[in-house]
All heavy atoms as atom14 arrays in JSON, in Angstrom:
{
  "sequence": "WPALRMILREAWNFETAVTGGFWGLVIIGIRR",
  "atom14_mask": [
    [1, 1, 1, 1, 1, 1, 1, 1, 1, 1, 1, 1, 1, 1],
    [1, 1, 1, 1, 1, 1, 1, 0, 0, 0, 0, 0, 0, 0],
    [1, 1, 1, 1, 1, 0, 0, 0, 0, 0, 0, 0, 0, 0],
    [1, 1, 1, 1, 1, 1, 1, 1, 0, 0, 0, 0, 0, 0],
    [1, 1, 1, 1, 1, 1, 1, 1, 1, 1, 1, 0, 0, 0],
    [1, 1, 1, 1, 1, 1, 1, 1, 0, 0, 0, 0, 0, 0],
    [1, 1, 1, 1, 1, 1, 1, 1, 0, 0, 0, 0, 0, 0],
    [1, 1, 1, 1, 1, 1, 1, 1, 0, 0, 0, 0, 0, 0],
    [1, 1, 1, 1, 1, 1, 1, 1, 1, 1, 1, 0, 0, 0],
    [1, 1, 1, 1, 1, 1, 1, 1, 1, 0, 0, 0, 0, 0],
    [1, 1, 1, 1, 1, 0, 0, 0, 0, 0, 0, 0, 0, 0],
    [1, 1, 1, 1, 1, 1, 1, 1, 1, 1, 1, 1, 1, 1],
    [1, 1, 1, 1, 1, 1, 1, 1, 0, 0, 0, 0, 0, 0],
    [1, 1, 1, 1, 1, 1, 1, 1, 1, 1, 1, 0, 0, 0],
    [1, 1, 1, 1, 1, 1, 1, 1, 1, 0, 0, 0, 0, 0],
    [1, 1, 1, 1, 1, 1, 1, 0, 0, 0, 0, 0, 0, 0],
    [1, 1, 1, 1, 1, 0, 0, 0, 0, 0, 0, 0, 0, 0],
    [1, 1, 1, 1, 1, 1, 1, 0, 0, 0, 0, 0, 0, 0],
    [1, 1, 1, 1, 1, 1, 1, 0, 0, 0, 0, 0, 0, 0],
    [1, 1, 1, 1, 0, 0, 0, 0, 0, 0, 0, 0, 0, 0],
    [1, 1, 1, 1, 0, 0, 0, 0, 0, 0, 0, 0, 0, 0],
    [1, 1, 1, 1, 1, 1, 1, 1, 1, 1, 1, 0, 0, 0],
    [1, 1, 1, 1, 1, 1, 1, 1, 1, 1, 1, 1, 1, 1],
    [1, 1, 1, 1, 0, 0, 0, 0, 0, 0, 0, 0, 0, 0],
    [1, 1, 1, 1, 1, 1, 1, 1, 0, 0, 0, 0, 0, 0],
    [1, 1, 1, 1, 1, 1, 1, 0, 0, 0, 0, 0, 0, 0],
    [1, 1, 1, 1, 1, 1, 1, 1, 0, 0, 0, 0, 0, 0],
    [1, 1, 1, 1, 1, 1, 1, 1, 0, 0, 0, 0, 0, 0],
    [1, 1, 1, 1, 0, 0, 0, 0, 0, 0, 0, 0, 0, 0],
    [1, 1, 1, 1, 1, 1, 1, 1, 0, 0, 0, 0, 0, 0],
    [1, 1, 1, 1, 1, 1, 1, 1, 1, 1, 1, 0, 0, 0],
    [1, 1, 1, 1, 1, 1, 1, 1, 1, 1, 1, 0, 0, 0]
  ],
  "atom14_positions": [
    [[10.18, -1.6, -14.66], [9.28, -0.44, -14.64], [7.86, -0.82, -14.23], [7.25, -0.14, -13.39], [9.32, 0.28, -15.99], [8.4, 1.46, -16.06], [7.38, 1.65, -16.93], [8.41, 2.61, -15.2], [6.75, 2.85, -16.68], [7.35, 3.46, -15.62], [9.2, 3.0, -14.12], [7.08, 4.67, -15.0], [8.92, 4.22, -13.49], [7.87, 5.04, -13.94]],
    [[7.29, -1.94, -14.76], [5.96, -2.35, -14.28], [5.93, -2.6, -12.77], [4.93, -2.32, -12.11], [5.7, -3.65, -15.06], [6.5, -3.5, -16.31], [7.73, -2.76, -15.91], [0.0, 0.0, 0.0], [0.0, 0.0, 0.0], [0.0, 0.0, 0.0], [0.0, 0.0, 0.0], [0.0, 0.0, 0.0], [0.0, 0.0, 0.0], [0.0, 0.0, 0.0]],
    [[7.04, -3.16, -12.21], [7.11, -3.41, -10.76], [7.06, -2.09, -9.98], [6.33, -1.97, -8.99], [8.39, -4.18, -10.41], [0.0, 0.0, 0.0], [0.0, 0.0, 0.0], [0.0, 0.0, 0.0], [0.0, 0.0, 0.0], [0.0, 0.0, 0.0], [0.0, 0.0, 0.0], [0.0, 0.0, 0.0], [0.0, 0.0, 0.0], [0.0, 0.0, 0.0]],
    [[7.81, -1.1, -10.46], [7.82, 0.22, -9.8], [6.46, 0.9, -9.94], [5.97, 1.54, -9.01], [8.92, 1.11, -10.41], [10.37, 0.71, -10.09], [11.34, 1.48, -10.95], [10.69, 0.92, -8.6], [0.0, 0.0, 0.0], [0.0, 0.0, 0.0], [0.0, 0.0, 0.0], [0.0, 0.0, 0.0], [0.0, 0.0, 0.0], [0.0, 0.0, 0.0]],
    [[5.84, 0.72, -11.12], [4.52, 1.3, -11.35], [3.48, 0.68, -10.41], [2.6, 1.37, -9.9], [4.12, 1.09, -12.82], [3.63, 2.37, -13.45], [3.22, 2.31, -14.89], [2.84, 1.03, -15.42], [3.4, 0.49, -16.49], [4.37, 1.12, -17.13], [3.01, -0.68, -16.96], [0.0, 0.0, 0.0], [0.0, 0.0, 0.0], [0.0, 0.0, 0.0]],
    [[3.63, -0.63, -10.18], [2.71, -1.33, -9.27], [2.84, -0.77, -7.85], [1.84, -0.58, -7.15], [3.0, -2.84, -9.27], [2.03, -3.61, -8.39], [2.44, -5.35, -8.25], [1.75, -5.96, -9.77], [0.0, 0.0, 0.0], [0.0, 0.0, 0.0], [0.0, 0.0, 0.0], [0.0, 0.0, 0.0], [0.0, 0.0, 0.0], [0.0, 0.0, 0.0]],
    [[4.08, -0.49, -7.43], [4.31, 0.07, -6.09], [3.58, 1.4, -5.95], [2.86, 1.64, -4.97], [5.83, 0.27, -5.83], [6.53, -1.1, -5.66], [6.07, 1.14, -4.59], [8.06, -1.03, -5.64], [0.0, 0.0, 0.0], [0.0, 0.0, 0.0], [0.0, 0.0, 0.0], [0.0, 0.0, 0.0], [0.0, 0.0, 0.0], [0.0, 0.0, 0.0]],
    [[3.72, 2.27, -6.96], [3.09, 3.6, -6.92], [1.56, 3.51, -6.99], [0.85, 4.24, -6.3], [3.61, 4.47, -8.07], [5.1, 4.85, -7.98], [5.58, 5.46, -9.29], [5.35, 5.8, -6.82], [0.0, 0.0, 0.0], [0.0, 0.0, 0.0], [0.0, 0.0, 0.0], [0.0, 0.0, 0.0], [0.0, 0.0, 0.0], [0.0, 0.0, 0.0]],
    [[1.08, 2.57, -7.81], [-0.38, 2.42, -7.96], [-1.01, 1.88, -6.68], [-2.01, 2.39, -6.19], [-0.68, 1.5, -9.16], [-2.16, 1.44, -9.53], [-2.41, 0.57, -10.74], [-2.12, -0.83, -10.49], [-1.15, -1.52, -11.09], [-0.36, -0.93, -11.96], [-0.93, -2.8, -10.81], [0.0, 0.0, 0.0], [0.0, 0.0, 0.0], [0.0, 0.0, 0.0]],
    [[-0.4, 0.82, -6.13], [-0.96, 0.14, -4.95], [-0.83, 0.99, -3.68], [-1.55, 0.76, -2.71], [-0.27, -1.21, -4.74], [-0.6, -2.25, -5.78], [-2.07, -2.65, -5.76], [-2.6, -2.93, -4.68], [-2.7, -2.67, -6.84], [0.0, 0.0, 0.0], [0.0, 0.0, 0.0], [0.0, 0.0, 0.0], [0.0, 0.0, 0.0], [0.0, 0.0, 0.0]],
    [[0.1, 1.96, -3.67], [0.29, 2.81, -2.49], [-0.95, 3.62, -2.17], [-1.2, 3.99, -1.02], [1.47, 3.76, -2.71], [0.0, 0.0, 0.0], [0.0, 0.0, 0.0], [0.0, 0.0, 0.0], [0.0, 0.0, 0.0], [0.0, 0.0, 0.0], [0.0, 0.0, 0.0], [0.0, 0.0, 0.0], [0.0, 0.0, 0.0], [0.0, 0.0, 0.0]],
    [[-1.76, 3.88, -3.22], [-2.96, 4.7, -3.03], [-4.24, 3.87, -3.22], [-5.29, 4.41, -3.53], [-2.94, 5.88, -4.01], [-1.7, 6.69, -3.82], [-0.53, 6.63, -4.52], [-1.48, 7.65, -2.78], [0.4, 7.49, -4.0], [-0.16, 8.15, -2.93], [-2.27, 8.17, -1.74], [0.39, 9.11, -2.1], [-1.74, 9.13, -0.91], [-0.43, 9.6, -1.08]],
    [[-4.09, 2.58, -3.05], [-5.24, 1.69, -3.22], [-6.08, 1.69, -1.94], [-5.8, 0.96, -1.01], [-4.74, 0.28, -3.55], [-5.88, -0.67, -3.85], [-7.06, -0.32, -3.73], [-5.54, -1.88, -4.26], [0.0, 0.0, 0.0], [0.0, 0.0, 0.0], [0.0, 0.0, 0.0], [0.0, 0.0, 0.0], [0.0, 0.0, 0.0], [0.0, 0.0, 0.0]],
    [[-7.1, 2.54, -1.91], [-7.92, 2.68, -0.71], [-8.81, 1.45, -0.48], [-9.37, 1.27, 0.59], [-8.8, 3.94, -0.79], [-8.01, 5.19, -0.61], [-7.35, 5.78, -1.67], [-7.9, 5.78, 0.64], [-6.61, 6.94, -1.51], [-7.17, 6.94, 0.82], [-6.53, 7.52, -0.25], [0.0, 0.0, 0.0], [0.0, 0.0, 0.0], [0.0, 0.0, 0.0]],
    [[-8.95, 0.62, -1.51], [-9.78, -0.59, -1.36], [-8.9, -1.82, -1.17], [-9.31, -2.94, -1.43], [-10.65, -0.76, -2.61], [-11.72, 0.32, -2.72], [-12.35, 0.35, -4.12], [-12.22, -0.65, -4.84], [-12.96, 1.37, -4.45], [0.0, 0.0, 0.0], [0.0, 0.0, 0.0], [0.0, 0.0, 0.0], [0.0, 0.0, 0.0], [0.0, 0.0, 0.0]],
    [[-7.7, -1.58, -0.71], [-6.75, -2.69, -0.56], [-7.27, -3.72, 0.44], [-7.97, -3.39, 1.38], [-5.38, -2.15, -0.1], [-4.49, -3.24, 0.05], [-5.45, -1.41, 1.21], [0.0, 0.0, 0.0], [0.0, 0.0, 0.0], [0.0, 0.0, 0.0], [0.0, 0.0, 0.0], [0.0, 0.0, 0.0], [0.0, 0.0, 0.0], [0.0, 0.0, 0.0]],
    [[-6.88, -4.97, 0.21], [-7.33, -6.06, 1.09], [-6.47, -6.16, 2.35], [-6.64, -7.06, 3.16], [-7.27, -7.38, 0.32], [0.0, 0.0, 0.0], [0.0, 0.0, 0.0], [0.0, 0.0, 0.0], [0.0, 0.0, 0.0], [0.0, 0.0, 0.0], [0.0, 0.0, 0.0], [0.0, 0.0, 0.0], [0.0, 0.0, 0.0], [0.0, 0.0, 0.0]],
    [[-5.55, -5.24, 2.5], [-4.62, -5.31, 3.62], [-5.33, -5.13, 4.96], [-6.35, -4.47, 5.05], [-3.53, -4.23, 3.44], [-3.97, -2.9, 3.96], [-2.25, -4.62, 4.1], [0.0, 0.0, 0.0], [0.0, 0.0, 0.0], [0.0, 0.0, 0.0], [0.0, 0.0, 0.0], [0.0, 0.0, 0.0], [0.0, 0.0, 0.0], [0.0, 0.0, 0.0]],
    [[-4.78, -5.75, 6.01], [-5.36, -5.64, 7.35], [-5.37, -4.18, 7.77], [-4.35, -3.52, 7.74], [-4.51, -6.44, 8.36], [-4.03, -7.61, 7.72], [-5.29, -6.79, 9.59], [0.0, 0.0, 0.0], [0.0, 0.0, 0.0], [0.0, 0.0, 0.0], [0.0, 0.0, 0.0], [0.0, 0.0, 0.0], [0.0, 0.0, 0.0], [0.0, 0.0, 0.0]],
    [[-6.54, -3.69, 8.16], [-6.61, -2.3, 8.63], [-6.77, -1.3, 7.51], [-6.65, -0.1, 7.73], [0.0, 0.0, 0.0], [0.0, 0.0, 0.0], [0.0, 0.0, 0.0], [0.0, 0.0, 0.0], [0.0, 0.0, 0.0], [0.0, 0.0, 0.0], [0.0, 0.0, 0.0], [0.0, 0.0, 0.0], [0.0, 0.0, 0.0], [0.0, 0.0, 0.0]],
    [[-7.0, -1.76, 6.27], [-7.23, -0.85, 5.15], [-6.05, 0.06, 4.88], [-4.9, -0.29, 5.1], [0.0, 0.0, 0.0], [0.0, 0.0, 0.0], [0.0, 0.0, 0.0], [0.0, 0.0, 0.0], [0.0, 0.0, 0.0], [0.0, 0.0, 0.0], [0.0, 0.0, 0.0], [0.0, 0.0, 0.0], [0.0, 0.0, 0.0], [0.0, 0.0, 0.0]],
    [[-6.35, 1.28, 4.4], [-5.31, 2.23, 3.98], [-4.41, 2.6, 5.16], [-3.2, 2.67, 5.03], [-5.97, 3.47, 3.38], [-4.96, 4.48, 2.88], [-4.17, 4.18, 1.78], [-4.79, 5.7, 3.51], [-3.24, 5.1, 1.3], [-3.86, 6.62, 3.04], [-3.08, 6.32, 1.95], [0.0, 0.0, 0.0], [0.0, 0.0, 0.0], [0.0, 0.0, 0.0]],
    [[-5.01, 2.84, 6.32], [-4.24, 3.2, 7.52], [-3.27, 2.06, 7.88], [-2.11, 2.31, 8.22], [-5.2, 3.48, 8.67], [-4.55, 3.59, 10.02], [-4.71, 2.76, 11.08], [-3.63, 4.6, 10.45], [-3.94, 3.18, 12.14], [-3.27, 4.32, 11.77], [-3.05, 5.72, 9.83], [-2.37, 5.09, 12.51], [-2.16, 6.5, 10.56], [-1.83, 6.19, 11.87]],
    [[-3.76, 0.83, 7.74], [-2.9, -0.34, 8.02], [-1.71, -0.38, 7.07], [-0.59, -0.67, 7.48], [0.0, 0.0, 0.0], [0.0, 0.0, 0.0], [0.0, 0.0, 0.0], [0.0, 0.0, 0.0], [0.0, 0.0, 0.0], [0.0, 0.0, 0.0], [0.0, 0.0, 0.0], [0.0, 0.0, 0.0], [0.0, 0.0, 0.0], [0.0, 0.0, 0.0]],
    [[-1.96, -0.03, 5.8], [-0.9, -0.01, 4.78], [0.2, 0.98, 5.17], [1.39, 0.67, 5.12], [-1.53, 0.4, 3.44], [-0.62, 0.41, 2.21], [-0.35, -1.0, 1.74], [-1.27, 1.2, 1.08], [0.0, 0.0, 0.0], [0.0, 0.0, 0.0], [0.0, 0.0, 0.0], [0.0, 0.0, 0.0], [0.0, 0.0, 0.0], [0.0, 0.0, 0.0]],
    [[-0.21, 2.19, 5.57], [0.76, 3.23, 5.95], [1.55, 2.81, 7.19], [2.77, 2.95, 7.24], [0.03, 4.59, 6.19], [1.01, 5.65, 6.67], [-0.67, 5.04, 4.92], [0.0, 0.0, 0.0], [0.0, 0.0, 0.0], [0.0, 0.0, 0.0], [0.0, 0.0, 0.0], [0.0, 0.0, 0.0], [0.0, 0.0, 0.0], [0.0, 0.0, 0.0]],
    [[0.85, 2.28, 8.2], [1.51, 1.88, 9.46], [2.54, 0.78, 9.21], [3.65, 0.81, 9.75], [0.46, 1.43, 10.51], [-0.18, 2.65, 11.16], [1.07, 0.54, 11.58], [0.72, 3.47, 12.08], [0.0, 0.0, 0.0], [0.0, 0.0, 0.0], [0.0, 0.0, 0.0], [0.0, 0.0, 0.0], [0.0, 0.0, 0.0], [0.0, 0.0, 0.0]],
    [[2.18, -0.2, 8.36], [3.13, -1.29, 8.04], [4.37, -0.69, 7.39], [5.5, -1.05, 7.72], [2.47, -2.35, 7.12], [1.39, -3.12, 7.87], [3.54, -3.34, 6.61], [0.45, -3.92, 6.98], [0.0, 0.0, 0.0], [0.0, 0.0, 0.0], [0.0, 0.0, 0.0], [0.0, 0.0, 0.0], [0.0, 0.0, 0.0], [0.0, 0.0, 0.0]],
    [[4.15, 0.26, 6.45], [5.28, 0.92, 5.78], [6.2, 1.64, 6.77], [7.42, 1.53, 6.7], [0.0, 0.0, 0.0], [0.0, 0.0, 0.0], [0.0, 0.0, 0.0], [0.0, 0.0, 0.0], [0.0, 0.0, 0.0], [0.0, 0.0, 0.0], [0.0, 0.0, 0.0], [0.0, 0.0, 0.0], [0.0, 0.0, 0.0], [0.0, 0.0, 0.0]],
    [[5.59, 2.35, 7.72], [6.38, 3.1, 8.72], [7.15, 2.13, 9.61], [8.35, 2.32, 9.86], [5.45, 4.0, 9.58], [4.81, 5.09, 8.71], [6.22, 4.64, 10.73], [3.65, 5.81, 9.37], [0.0, 0.0, 0.0], [0.0, 0.0, 0.0], [0.0, 0.0, 0.0], [0.0, 0.0, 0.0], [0.0, 0.0, 0.0], [0.0, 0.0, 0.0]],
    [[6.47, 1.09, 10.07], [7.14, 0.11, 10.96], [8.34, -0.54, 10.28], [9.41, -0.66, 10.84], [6.15, -0.99, 11.36], [5.16, -0.58, 12.41], [4.54, -1.81, 13.04], [3.45, -1.44, 13.93], [3.59, -0.9, 15.12], [4.79, -0.63, 15.58], [2.54, -0.59, 15.87], [0.0, 0.0, 0.0], [0.0, 0.0, 0.0], [0.0, 0.0, 0.0]],
    [[8.12, -1.01, 9.03], [9.2, -1.72, 8.35], [10.34, -0.77, 7.95], [11.49, -1.14, 7.94], [8.67, -2.46, 7.12], [7.66, -3.55, 7.42], [8.27, -4.84, 7.98], [8.73, -4.78, 9.35], [7.96, -4.94, 10.42], [6.68, -5.14, 10.3], [8.5, -4.89, 11.62], [0.0, 0.0, 0.0], [0.0, 0.0, 0.0], [0.0, 0.0, 0.0]]
  ]
}
């Protein structure tokens, strides 16, 4: 449950360190 909660929490992390920020996060999700 903590793992699933992390997925839901991090999905809306606008300050994520991911390449390309939030938009990059969504695009990676769509590609994969």
